[in-house]
Protein backbone atom coordinates (compact mmCIF):
# COMPACT_ATOMS: atom_id res chain seq x y z
CA MET A 1 0.00 0.00 0.00
CA ALA A 2 1.44 3.36 -1.04
CA ALA A 3 2.09 5.96 1.63
CA SER A 4 -0.08 9.06 1.58
CA PRO A 5 1.51 12.34 0.42
CA ALA A 6 1.32 13.69 3.98
CA THR A 7 3.06 10.63 5.39
CA SER A 8 5.77 10.87 2.77
CA ALA A 9 6.29 14.58 3.46
CA SER A 10 6.56 14.13 7.24
CA GLY A 11 8.85 11.17 6.62
CA ARG A 12 11.22 13.39 4.69
CA LEU A 13 11.27 15.78 7.66
CA ASP A 14 12.07 12.89 10.01
CA GLN A 15 15.10 12.05 7.90
CA TYR A 16 16.68 15.38 8.85
CA LEU A 17 16.66 14.31 12.50
CA GLY A 18 17.62 10.70 11.87
CA CYS A 19 15.29 9.18 14.44
CA GLU A 20 11.85 7.65 14.72
CA LYS A 21 8.68 9.70 14.47
CA ALA A 22 7.65 8.75 18.01
CA LEU A 23 10.86 10.23 19.42
CA ILE A 24 10.41 13.42 17.41
CA ARG A 25 6.89 13.73 18.77
CA ARG A 26 8.21 13.42 22.33
CA HIS A 27 10.60 16.30 21.64
CA ILE A 28 7.79 18.43 20.25
CA ASP A 29 5.63 17.66 23.30
CA ALA A 30 8.56 18.56 25.56
CA TYR A 31 8.80 21.96 23.85
CA PHE A 32 5.16 22.73 24.59
CA ASP A 33 5.37 21.36 28.14
CA TYR A 34 8.62 23.04 29.22
CA ILE A 35 9.72 25.81 26.84
CA TYR A 36 6.36 27.20 25.72
CA PRO A 37 5.46 28.30 29.32
CA VAL A 38 8.72 30.26 29.70
CA PRO A 39 7.63 33.88 29.32
CA LEU A 40 7.03 34.76 25.69
CA TYR A 41 8.38 31.55 24.15
CA SER A 42 4.73 30.73 23.41
CA PHE A 43 5.00 31.82 19.77
CA LEU A 44 4.15 28.43 18.24
CA HIS A 45 0.51 27.34 18.11
CA ARG A 46 0.45 23.70 19.20
CA ALA A 47 -2.36 22.44 16.98
CA ASP A 48 -1.13 24.33 13.93
CA PHE A 49 2.48 23.25 14.44
CA LEU A 50 1.55 19.58 14.84
CA ASN A 51 -0.71 19.76 11.82
CA ARG A 52 2.06 21.28 9.70
CA TYR A 53 4.51 18.67 10.95
CA ALA A 54 2.11 15.83 10.12
CA ASN A 55 1.64 17.24 6.62
CA GLY A 56 5.33 17.92 6.06
CA GLY A 57 4.80 21.69 6.07
CA THR A 58 7.25 22.58 8.85
CA THR A 59 10.62 23.85 7.69
CA PRO A 60 13.46 21.47 8.64
CA ALA A 61 15.41 24.22 10.45
CA LEU A 62 12.51 25.00 12.78
CA LEU A 63 11.84 21.33 13.53
CA LEU A 64 15.53 20.78 14.26
CA ALA A 65 15.60 23.84 16.55
CA VAL A 66 12.45 22.78 18.44
CA CYS A 67 13.79 19.27 19.03
CA GLY A 68 17.33 20.42 19.80
CA ALA A 69 16.17 22.98 22.37
CA SER A 70 13.72 20.64 24.09
CA ALA A 71 16.01 17.59 24.30
CA ARG A 72 17.32 18.58 27.75
CA PHE A 73 13.88 17.98 29.25
CA LEU A 74 13.55 14.37 28.12
CA PRO A 75 14.44 11.54 30.54
CA ALA A 76 17.16 10.19 28.27
CA ALA A 77 18.96 13.54 28.08
CA THR A 78 22.39 11.93 28.51
CA GLN A 79 22.06 9.90 25.36
CA LEU A 80 20.35 12.74 23.50
CA ALA A 81 22.96 15.41 24.31
CA ARG A 82 25.16 14.66 21.31
CA GLN A 83 22.16 14.16 19.04
CA SER A 84 20.60 17.48 20.04
CA LYS A 85 23.93 19.20 19.47
CA SER A 86 24.00 17.90 15.90
CA TRP A 87 20.39 19.03 15.38
CA ILE A 88 21.18 22.56 16.53
CA GLU A 89 24.30 22.74 14.37
CA LYS A 90 22.39 21.44 11.35
CA ALA A 91 19.67 24.06 11.91
CA GLU A 92 22.36 26.75 12.14
CA ARG A 93 23.87 25.70 8.83
CA MET A 94 20.49 25.76 7.14
CA LEU A 95 19.69 29.23 8.47
CA PHE A 96 23.02 30.75 7.50
CA GLN A 97 22.92 29.19 4.06
CA SER A 98 19.60 30.94 3.49
CA LEU A 99 20.52 34.19 5.22
CA GLY A 100 18.83 37.05 3.39
CA ARG A 101 15.72 34.99 2.62
CA THR A 102 14.06 35.64 5.96
CA THR A 103 10.80 33.95 6.91
CA LEU A 104 8.76 33.78 10.10
CA GLU A 105 9.96 30.23 10.73
CA SER A 106 13.62 31.13 10.26
CA VAL A 107 13.29 33.81 12.96
CA GLN A 108 11.49 31.34 15.24
CA ALA A 109 14.26 28.80 14.70
CA LEU A 110 17.01 31.33 15.42
CA VAL A 111 15.34 32.39 18.68
CA LEU A 112 15.19 28.76 19.85
CA ILE A 113 18.81 28.19 18.87
CA GLY A 114 19.73 31.26 20.92
CA LEU A 115 17.82 29.83 23.89
CA HIS A 116 19.68 26.54 23.52
CA TYR A 117 23.06 28.26 23.63
CA ASN A 118 22.05 30.43 26.56
CA CYS A 119 21.10 27.31 28.51
CA ASN A 120 24.31 25.60 27.44
CA ASN A 121 26.88 28.01 28.82
CA ASN A 122 27.38 29.91 25.57
CA PRO A 123 25.66 33.23 26.35
CA ASN A 124 27.84 35.26 24.00
CA LYS A 125 26.61 33.28 21.01
CA SER A 126 23.04 33.72 22.22
CA PHE A 127 23.70 37.45 22.57
CA VAL A 128 24.62 37.69 18.89
CA TYR A 129 21.76 35.47 17.72
CA VAL A 130 19.13 37.54 19.52
CA ALA A 131 20.43 40.68 17.81
CA LEU A 132 20.43 38.95 14.42
CA ALA A 133 16.91 37.62 14.97
CA ALA A 134 15.73 41.12 15.90
CA ARG A 135 17.09 42.52 12.62
CA MET A 136 15.45 39.69 10.70
CA ALA A 137 12.16 40.38 12.49
CA TYR A 138 12.30 44.02 11.41
CA ALA A 139 12.99 42.87 7.85
CA ILE A 140 9.73 40.93 7.65
CA LYS A 141 7.87 43.64 9.60
CA LEU A 142 6.98 41.66 12.70
CA HIS A 143 6.91 44.98 14.54
CA LYS A 144 3.76 45.99 12.64
CA GLU A 145 0.26 44.56 12.51
CA ASP A 146 -0.90 42.79 9.36
CA SER A 147 -4.70 42.53 9.26
CA ARG A 148 -4.59 40.42 6.10
CA LEU A 149 -3.49 37.40 8.12
CA SER A 150 -5.58 35.05 10.23
CA PHE A 151 -5.89 35.73 13.96
CA ILE A 152 -3.55 32.85 14.90
CA ASP A 153 -0.93 33.93 12.35
CA GLN A 154 -1.08 37.51 13.64
CA GLU A 155 -0.78 36.35 17.23
CA CYS A 156 2.20 34.09 16.43
CA ARG A 157 3.97 37.07 14.88
CA ARG A 158 3.20 39.30 17.87
CA ARG A 159 4.36 36.73 20.39
CA LEU A 160 7.59 36.15 18.51
CA MET A 161 8.30 39.88 18.44
CA TRP A 162 7.57 40.21 22.15
CA CYS A 163 9.83 37.23 22.84
CA LEU A 164 12.62 39.08 21.06
CA PHE A 165 11.78 42.23 23.03
CA VAL A 166 12.14 40.37 26.34
CA ASN A 167 15.33 38.61 25.24
CA ASP A 168 16.81 41.87 24.00
CA ARG A 169 16.19 43.53 27.39
CA PHE A 170 17.52 40.58 29.35
CA GLN A 171 20.64 40.40 27.20
CA ALA A 172 21.23 44.14 27.60
CA GLY A 173 21.08 43.96 31.41
CA GLY A 174 20.56 47.71 31.72
CA VAL A 175 23.35 48.65 29.30
CA PRO A 176 21.66 50.99 26.79
CA GLU A 177 24.08 50.42 23.92
CA TYR A 178 23.21 46.71 23.91
CA ILE A 179 19.51 47.30 23.22
CA VAL A 180 18.55 46.51 19.62
CA LEU A 181 14.75 46.80 19.64
CA SER A 182 13.25 50.22 20.18
CA THR A 183 10.08 50.19 22.28
CA ALA A 184 8.56 52.92 20.13
CA SER A 185 9.03 50.81 16.99
CA LEU A 186 6.77 48.01 18.24
CA GLN A 187 3.43 49.00 16.75
CA ILE A 188 1.70 45.78 17.78
CA GLN A 189 -0.78 44.60 20.37
CA LEU A 190 0.25 42.80 23.52
CA PRO A 191 -0.27 39.01 23.64
CA CYS A 192 -3.85 37.84 23.97
CA PRO A 193 -5.11 35.48 26.71
CA GLU A 194 -3.94 31.92 26.21
CA HIS A 195 -7.44 30.53 25.80
CA ASN A 196 -8.18 32.87 22.89
CA PHE A 197 -4.96 31.85 21.18
CA GLN A 198 -5.52 28.12 21.57
CA VAL A 199 -9.14 28.07 20.35
CA ASP A 200 -8.69 30.71 17.63
CA MET A 201 -11.00 33.25 19.26
CA PRO A 202 -10.03 36.73 17.97
CA VAL A 203 -9.70 39.47 20.56
CA SER A 204 -8.14 42.92 20.65
CA THR A 205 -5.59 43.83 23.31
CA SER A 206 -3.90 47.05 24.31
CA ARG A 207 -0.38 48.17 23.43
CA LEU A 208 2.57 48.43 25.77
CA GLU A 209 2.44 52.21 26.00
CA ASP A 210 -1.30 52.18 26.77
CA LYS A 211 -1.77 51.86 30.52
CA SER A 212 -5.27 53.28 30.80
CA ASN A 213 -7.02 49.89 30.75
CA LEU A 214 -4.85 47.79 33.05
CA ASN A 215 -7.89 46.60 34.97
CA THR A 216 -9.36 44.99 31.84
CA GLU A 217 -6.30 42.89 30.95
CA THR A 218 -6.37 39.19 31.76
CA SER A 219 -3.35 37.76 29.91
CA MET A 220 -0.51 36.59 32.13
CA SER A 221 1.94 37.29 29.31
CA THR A 222 0.73 40.89 29.13
CA PHE A 223 1.44 41.48 32.82
CA LEU A 224 4.81 39.80 32.49
CA LEU A 225 5.72 42.06 29.59
CA ARG A 226 4.77 45.12 31.61
CA VAL A 227 6.85 43.91 34.57
CA PHE A 228 9.83 43.23 32.29
CA ASP A 229 9.45 46.67 30.70
CA VAL A 230 9.53 48.37 34.11
CA ARG A 231 12.50 46.21 35.09
CA ASN A 232 14.46 47.27 32.03
CA ARG A 233 13.87 50.93 32.81
CA ILE A 234 14.87 50.37 36.44
CA LEU A 235 18.14 48.79 35.30
CA LEU A 236 18.83 51.66 32.91
CA TYR A 237 18.10 54.13 35.72
CA ALA A 238 20.31 52.23 38.17
CA LYS A 239 23.19 52.06 35.70
CA GLN A 240 22.98 55.80 35.13
CA LEU A 241 23.17 56.42 38.89
CA LEU A 242 26.07 53.99 39.27
CA ASP A 243 27.98 55.49 36.33
CA THR A 244 27.65 58.99 37.75
CA SER A 245 27.81 58.05 41.47
CA THR A 246 24.55 59.88 42.05
CA SER A 247 22.09 59.21 44.85
CA PRO A 248 18.47 58.40 43.90
CA GLU A 249 17.60 61.22 46.26
CA GLN A 250 18.56 63.58 43.44
CA SER A 251 15.91 61.97 41.20
CA LEU A 252 13.36 61.00 43.82
CA PRO A 253 10.31 61.57 41.55
CA GLN A 254 11.68 58.99 39.09
CA PHE A 255 12.46 56.58 41.94
CA GLN A 256 8.92 56.91 43.26
CA PHE A 257 7.45 56.65 39.76
CA PHE A 258 8.90 53.15 39.39
CA GLU A 259 7.39 52.18 42.73
CA GLN A 260 4.00 53.48 41.65
CA GLU A 261 4.17 51.70 38.29
CA LEU A 262 4.78 48.38 40.00
CA LYS A 263 2.02 49.04 42.54
CA ASP A 264 -0.44 49.84 39.74
CA LEU A 265 0.44 46.56 38.03
CA LEU A 266 -0.11 44.58 41.22
CA ASP A 267 -3.40 46.33 41.92
CA SER A 268 -4.65 45.64 38.40
CA LEU A 269 -4.05 41.87 38.52
CA PRO A 270 -7.36 40.03 38.17
CA PRO A 271 -8.18 37.79 41.15
CA GLU A 272 -7.32 34.62 39.23
CA LEU A 273 -3.75 35.87 38.65
CA ALA A 274 -3.09 37.09 42.20
CA PHE A 275 -0.60 34.97 44.11
CA SER A 276 -1.68 32.44 46.70
CA THR A 277 -0.65 28.91 47.49
CA ARG A 278 -4.04 27.78 46.22
CA ALA A 279 -3.58 29.68 42.94
CA TYR A 280 -0.30 27.86 42.38
CA GLN A 281 -1.78 24.53 43.43
CA LEU A 282 -4.43 24.88 40.72
CA ARG A 283 -1.62 25.22 38.17
CA ALA A 284 0.83 22.76 39.72
CA PHE A 285 0.09 20.03 37.21
CA SER A 286 0.01 22.20 34.11
CA PRO A 287 2.84 23.96 32.25
CA GLU A 288 1.30 27.30 33.29
CA ARG A 289 2.92 26.95 36.72
CA THR A 290 6.19 28.26 35.24
CA THR A 291 4.56 31.41 33.84
CA PHE A 292 2.66 32.04 37.08
CA ILE A 293 5.68 31.78 39.38
CA THR A 294 7.87 33.82 37.01
CA LEU A 295 5.34 36.66 37.05
CA HIS A 296 5.26 36.88 40.83
CA ILE A 297 8.94 36.43 41.66
CA PHE A 298 9.94 38.99 39.03
CA PHE A 299 7.49 41.51 40.44
CA HIS A 300 9.38 41.38 43.73
CA HIS A 301 12.76 41.06 42.02
CA CYS A 302 12.18 44.40 40.27
CA HIS A 303 11.80 46.09 43.64
CA CYS A 304 15.01 44.51 44.93
CA GLU A 305 16.90 45.79 41.89
CA LEU A 306 15.69 49.31 42.62
CA TYR A 307 16.27 49.32 46.38
CA ARG A 308 19.63 47.53 46.48
CA LEU A 309 21.31 50.73 45.27
CA LEU A 310 21.32 51.88 48.89
CA ASN A 311 22.68 48.69 50.50
CA PRO A 312 26.27 49.54 51.56
CA GLY A 313 28.75 46.85 50.56
CA TYR A 314 26.35 45.28 48.09
CA ARG A 315 27.83 44.61 44.67
CA GLU A 316 25.21 46.64 42.79
CA ALA A 317 25.12 49.40 45.41
CA LEU A 318 26.27 52.98 45.08
CA PRO A 319 29.62 53.97 46.61
CA ASN A 320 29.55 54.22 50.40
CA SER A 321 30.28 57.93 50.24
CA VAL A 322 27.15 58.50 48.13
CA ILE A 323 25.00 56.40 50.47
CA ALA A 324 26.42 58.24 53.49
CA ALA A 325 25.41 61.55 51.90
CA THR A 326 21.85 60.30 51.29
CA SER A 327 19.20 60.98 53.91
CA SER A 328 19.13 58.25 56.55
CA GLU A 329 15.36 57.98 56.15
CA LEU A 330 15.60 57.09 52.46
CA VAL A 331 18.46 54.64 53.09
CA ALA A 332 16.54 52.88 55.88
CA TYR A 333 13.40 52.82 53.74
CA ALA A 334 15.20 51.28 50.74
CA GLN A 335 16.99 48.67 52.86
CA ALA A 336 13.78 47.61 54.60
CA ARG A 337 11.88 47.40 51.32
CA CYS A 338 14.64 45.39 49.65
CA LEU A 339 14.46 42.82 52.43
CA GLU A 340 10.67 42.85 52.38
CA HIS A 341 10.54 41.88 48.71
CA ALA A 342 13.33 39.30 49.07
CA ILE A 343 11.27 37.73 51.86
CA SER A 344 8.23 37.76 49.55
CA ILE A 345 10.22 35.75 47.01
CA GLY A 346 11.24 33.40 49.82
CA GLU A 347 7.64 32.94 50.93
CA ILE A 348 6.50 32.21 47.37
CA ILE A 349 9.10 29.47 47.04
CA THR A 350 8.77 27.96 50.52
CA THR A 351 4.98 27.69 50.27
CA THR A 352 4.84 26.18 46.78
CA HIS A 353 8.05 24.34 45.87
CA ASP A 354 6.97 21.03 47.41
CA LEU A 355 3.58 20.99 45.65
CA VAL A 356 5.20 19.56 42.51
CA GLU A 357 6.66 16.14 43.27
CA THR A 358 6.93 14.36 39.92
CA ASP A 359 7.81 17.22 37.59
CA LEU A 360 9.90 20.38 37.50
CA TYR A 361 8.83 23.24 39.76
CA MET A 362 9.40 25.67 36.91
CA THR A 363 11.44 25.70 33.71
CA ASP A 364 12.48 29.33 33.35
CA MET A 365 16.24 29.41 33.92
CA SER A 366 16.05 33.04 35.09
CA CYS A 367 14.79 31.71 38.43
CA PHE A 368 18.41 30.90 39.34
CA VAL A 369 19.36 34.58 39.20
CA VAL A 370 16.20 35.75 41.00
CA LEU A 371 16.60 33.31 43.89
CA TYR A 372 20.31 34.02 44.10
CA GLN A 373 19.69 37.77 44.35
CA ALA A 374 17.01 37.18 46.99
CA SER A 375 19.54 35.06 48.89
CA CYS A 376 22.03 37.93 48.78
CA ALA A 377 19.47 40.33 50.28
CA ILE A 378 18.56 37.82 52.99
CA LEU A 379 22.21 37.09 53.83
CA TYR A 380 22.89 40.82 53.93
CA ALA A 381 20.13 41.24 56.52
CA CYS A 382 21.51 38.40 58.65
CA HIS A 383 24.83 40.19 59.08
CA ARG A 384 23.54 43.72 59.64
CA GLU A 385 22.69 45.26 62.99
CA SER A 386 20.17 47.74 61.62
CA PRO A 387 16.64 47.93 63.05
CA ALA A 388 15.32 48.51 59.53
CA TYR A 389 17.21 45.68 57.90
CA THR A 390 17.82 42.56 59.92
CA MET A 391 16.85 38.88 60.00
CA SER A 392 17.56 35.98 62.33
CA PRO A 393 19.66 33.08 61.02
CA HIS A 394 16.83 30.69 61.88
CA THR A 395 14.45 32.54 59.55
CA ALA A 396 17.05 32.92 56.82
CA ARG A 397 17.96 29.24 56.69
CA ARG A 398 14.32 28.36 55.99
CA TYR A 399 14.53 30.39 52.79
CA PHE A 400 18.02 29.17 51.87
CA ILE A 401 16.97 25.53 52.21
CA ALA A 402 13.87 26.07 50.07
CA PHE A 403 15.97 27.81 47.40
CA ILE A 404 18.57 25.03 47.40
CA GLU A 405 15.94 22.29 47.22
CA THR A 406 14.17 24.03 44.36
CA LEU A 407 17.21 24.85 42.26
CA ALA A 408 19.10 21.60 42.89
CA LYS A 409 16.36 19.67 41.11
CA LEU A 410 16.71 21.92 38.06
CA LEU A 411 20.47 21.55 37.66
CA ILE A 412 20.16 18.37 35.64
CA HIS A 413 18.50 20.51 32.95
CA PHE A 414 20.36 23.80 33.53
CA PRO A 415 23.83 22.73 34.72
CA ARG A 416 25.52 26.04 33.86
CA PHE A 417 23.82 27.59 36.91
CA ALA A 418 25.46 25.27 39.45
CA ILE A 419 27.60 28.21 40.56
CA TYR A 420 24.53 29.94 42.02
CA VAL A 421 23.35 26.91 43.99
CA ASN A 422 26.83 26.33 45.37
CA ASP A 423 27.06 29.93 46.53
CA ILE A 424 23.66 29.79 48.24
CA ARG A 425 24.98 26.70 50.06
CA ASN A 426 27.99 28.74 51.14
CA MET A 427 25.64 31.47 52.39
CA LEU A 428 23.79 28.88 54.45
CA ARG A 429 27.09 27.65 55.82
CA SER A 430 28.08 31.22 56.77
CA ILE A 431 25.11 31.52 59.13
CA ASP A 432 25.20 27.91 60.39
CA GLU A 433 28.93 28.11 61.13
CA PRO A 434 29.78 31.77 61.76
CA ASN A 435 33.40 30.95 62.61
CA ALA A 436 34.09 28.73 59.60
CA PRO A 437 36.43 30.05 56.89
CA LEU A 438 34.52 31.94 54.23
CA PRO A 439 34.74 30.69 50.63
CA PRO A 440 37.27 32.38 48.36
CA GLN A 441 35.56 34.57 45.78
CA LYS A 442 36.54 37.26 43.35
CA ALA A 443 34.41 40.31 42.75
CA SER A 444 33.69 41.60 39.29
CA ALA A 445 33.89 45.27 38.46
CA GLU A 446 30.97 44.93 36.05
CA VAL A 447 27.55 43.42 36.60
CA ASP A 448 27.03 42.43 32.99
CA PHE A 449 28.80 39.33 31.69
CA ARG A 450 29.66 40.95 28.35
CA ALA A 451 31.89 43.46 30.11
CA ARG A 452 34.43 40.75 30.86
CA LEU A 453 37.03 39.49 28.44
CA VAL A 454 36.08 36.18 26.89
CA SER A 455 37.95 33.80 24.69
CA SER A 456 37.18 33.89 21.00
CA GLU A 457 35.83 30.36 21.17
CA GLU A 458 33.75 29.16 24.10
CA THR A 459 33.29 25.58 25.20
CA SER A 460 29.65 24.70 25.63
CA ASP A 461 28.24 22.27 28.15
CA GLU A 462 27.70 19.68 25.45
CA GLU A 463 31.24 19.92 24.06
CA ALA A 464 32.84 19.54 27.47
CA GLY A 465 30.10 17.54 29.10
CA ALA A 466 30.67 13.95 28.04
CA ASN A 467 34.34 13.75 29.06
CA LYS A 468 33.86 15.93 32.12
CA ALA A 469 30.95 13.86 33.37
CA ARG A 470 33.10 10.73 33.16
CA GLU A 471 35.95 12.46 34.96
CA GLN A 472 33.64 13.69 37.70
CA THR A 473 32.07 10.27 38.15
CA SER A 474 35.48 8.67 38.67
CA ALA A 475 36.64 11.55 40.85
CA ILE A 476 33.73 11.46 43.28
CA PRO A 477 35.27 10.61 46.64
CA HIS A 478 33.99 7.73 48.75
CA GLU A 479 31.98 8.85 51.73
CA THR A 480 33.79 8.75 55.04
CA PRO A 481 32.11 8.59 58.43
CA HIS A 482 31.44 11.92 60.11
CA THR A 483 30.73 12.57 63.74
CA GLN A 484 27.05 13.45 63.92
CA THR A 485 26.10 16.66 65.68
CA GLN A 486 22.69 18.07 66.48
CA SER A 487 21.54 21.66 66.11
CA PRO A 488 18.54 23.14 67.91
CA HIS A 489 17.35 24.70 64.65
CA VAL A 490 17.70 21.79 62.23
CA GLN A 491 14.80 21.61 59.80
CA ASP A 492 13.81 18.32 58.17
CA ILE A 493 14.45 18.80 54.47
CA GLY A 494 13.90 15.23 53.34
CA THR A 495 16.11 12.26 52.51
CA GLU A 496 16.26 12.99 48.79
CA THR A 497 17.57 16.51 49.29
CA MET A 498 20.07 15.34 51.89
CA GLN A 499 21.52 13.12 49.21
CA LEU A 500 21.99 16.20 47.05
CA ILE A 501 23.32 18.70 49.55
CA ASP A 502 25.59 18.06 52.51
CA LEU A 503 24.22 20.52 55.02
CA SER A 504 26.79 21.49 57.58
CA MET A 505 24.21 21.38 60.38
CA GLN A 506 23.82 17.61 59.88
CA ALA A 507 27.48 16.59 59.72
CA ALA A 508 30.91 17.60 60.87
CA PRO A 509 32.09 20.57 58.78
CA PRO A 510 33.81 19.36 55.62
CA LEU A 511 36.93 20.94 54.29
CA GLU A 512 36.58 24.11 52.28
CA GLY A 513 37.22 22.23 49.03
CA ASP A 514 34.37 19.84 49.77
CA TYR A 515 31.80 22.53 49.12
CA GLY A 516 31.83 22.02 45.35
CA LEU A 517 28.64 20.66 43.84
CA GLY A 518 30.14 17.70 41.99
CA PRO A 519 30.30 15.18 44.87
CA TYR A 520 26.78 16.01 46.01
CA PHE A 521 24.91 16.19 42.73
CA GLY A 522 26.75 13.38 40.99
CA ALA A 523 27.31 13.27 37.25
CA PRO A 524 24.58 15.36 35.58
CA ALA A 525 22.47 13.88 32.84
CA TYR A 526 23.16 16.86 30.61
CA GLY A 527 26.95 17.12 30.94
CA PHE A 528 28.59 20.24 32.29
CA ASP A 529 31.68 21.53 33.99
CA THR A 530 31.15 22.11 37.71
CA ALA A 531 34.52 23.84 37.95
CA TYR A 532 32.89 27.05 36.80
CA ASP A 533 35.09 30.08 37.32
CA PRO A 534 33.50 32.54 39.76
CA ASP A 535 35.61 35.29 38.21
CA GLN A 536 33.02 35.59 35.46
CA GLY A 537 31.18 38.38 37.22
CA LEU A 538 28.16 36.29 38.17
CA LEU A 539 28.51 36.37 41.95
CA TRP A 540 28.50 39.04 44.61
CA ASP A 541 31.69 38.87 46.66
CA TRP A 542 29.67 38.67 49.86
CA ALA A 543 32.45 36.87 51.73
CA ASP A 544 34.75 39.85 51.34
CA ALA A 545 31.87 42.19 52.24
CA LEU A 546 31.24 40.30 55.48
CA GLU A 547 34.89 40.38 56.49
CA SER A 548 35.05 44.12 55.88
CA GLY A 549 31.83 44.79 57.77
CA PHE A 550 30.25 46.02 54.52
CA ASN A 551 32.88 48.76 54.44
CA LEU A 552 30.98 50.72 57.05
């Protein structure tokens, strides 16, 4: 019996990947389960994409990019690592061979390739690809509405453009010269509610600059975009103050305007999007849990990024002389508010992270940075003797443990962020063992990773992973007996987590070198190098700050 034309066409697509159709379908499902919920990566319509794949209408480069980017979330990620690498490289070759003949699918593929490299410890390549994709998007006028298209096609274009907008702002990190996409150039509506998109129910939405109808908006993606937009402007504002060593007291109206913008956004959230443990529980078994948590932790993270300017000794703080010249009332207010919002992040995580037992808590890799920054604010409060900004070690360790438990389970999929989890463990150790030697760290003069010198050719997780994983497996030391000690404040964090992290409160203090992640997390399924160099500007040199008393 002859194969149907559709079967033959999809079969030709399968040949590009060199694996069975069932495996390809698992990769596609993984994309929609784990990448689609990451804010603004929802630019593919599931039913339409699957229909085009079944009929052989999907371009090979996009299919390769979808499968290559989603491979890390499949159970057999170890075996698929090399295969996904070849898929991504094949998609790259196809895109660059057709450069100049830009299509919607080629931009979609390039964005997913950029995501893959960002997850795989190659952020500089991702940085370039996002800029290239933005130029390509302008070329096919994704920044403008096209009423000739169907509703779903229009919405896919909008969502792709907003994905680029978010990526562009995240890549810039508050450095204005890195921004490629102008906000004023985006003459398109904000994303529509997910239900309308999925069932092809046309609806009109507002634009980013229109804030008169906040109370009528119901799309989670819309609120996320507004939060990210405020965050970008806060980072630009903070960088300007840092570059000129100027106190926010000199621009207090602008400082307060950011606060009001964020308050207006929170007040306009519809009841179904407001945070509560129950609201998360209702989403705990759907991919939407990632989008929901990202919205709420970033709302508080934006506040921390504004207020930390006045935390003496903090990496992103103004010089001590500037803070000393600022009114004590404003300094105390900013410090208290920074801690308040870091605690809010801690409460969100501690009350929800154990509601998901058989799947990932969330799949947005930015959570590593958000929880790390919240940890810094909490640690800062533990070591300050200020009535406005203080926290007991007992309270702090509750948050640290929740952060470690949450992030440790994600490292198998995002191994490049092991450095953050290890440093949070060191923070926990610093309050559990105040007299223990602090970990050696090196501060970076610049917050943004692109400010550091990098080699002309980076080694990705995949390239180094296979050999390194074998080396780490053979290098894992055998456990030796420790004298058990008991602390009055030990919290039960579960057997599984104790196998991942060697909490100092439960065992005799290990040597300083034993605080690497390798021996505790074992060989990751998606190979990486745990010997990540902290001199890459990712960490706050809090150990030095503690020893110097925050330079006060």
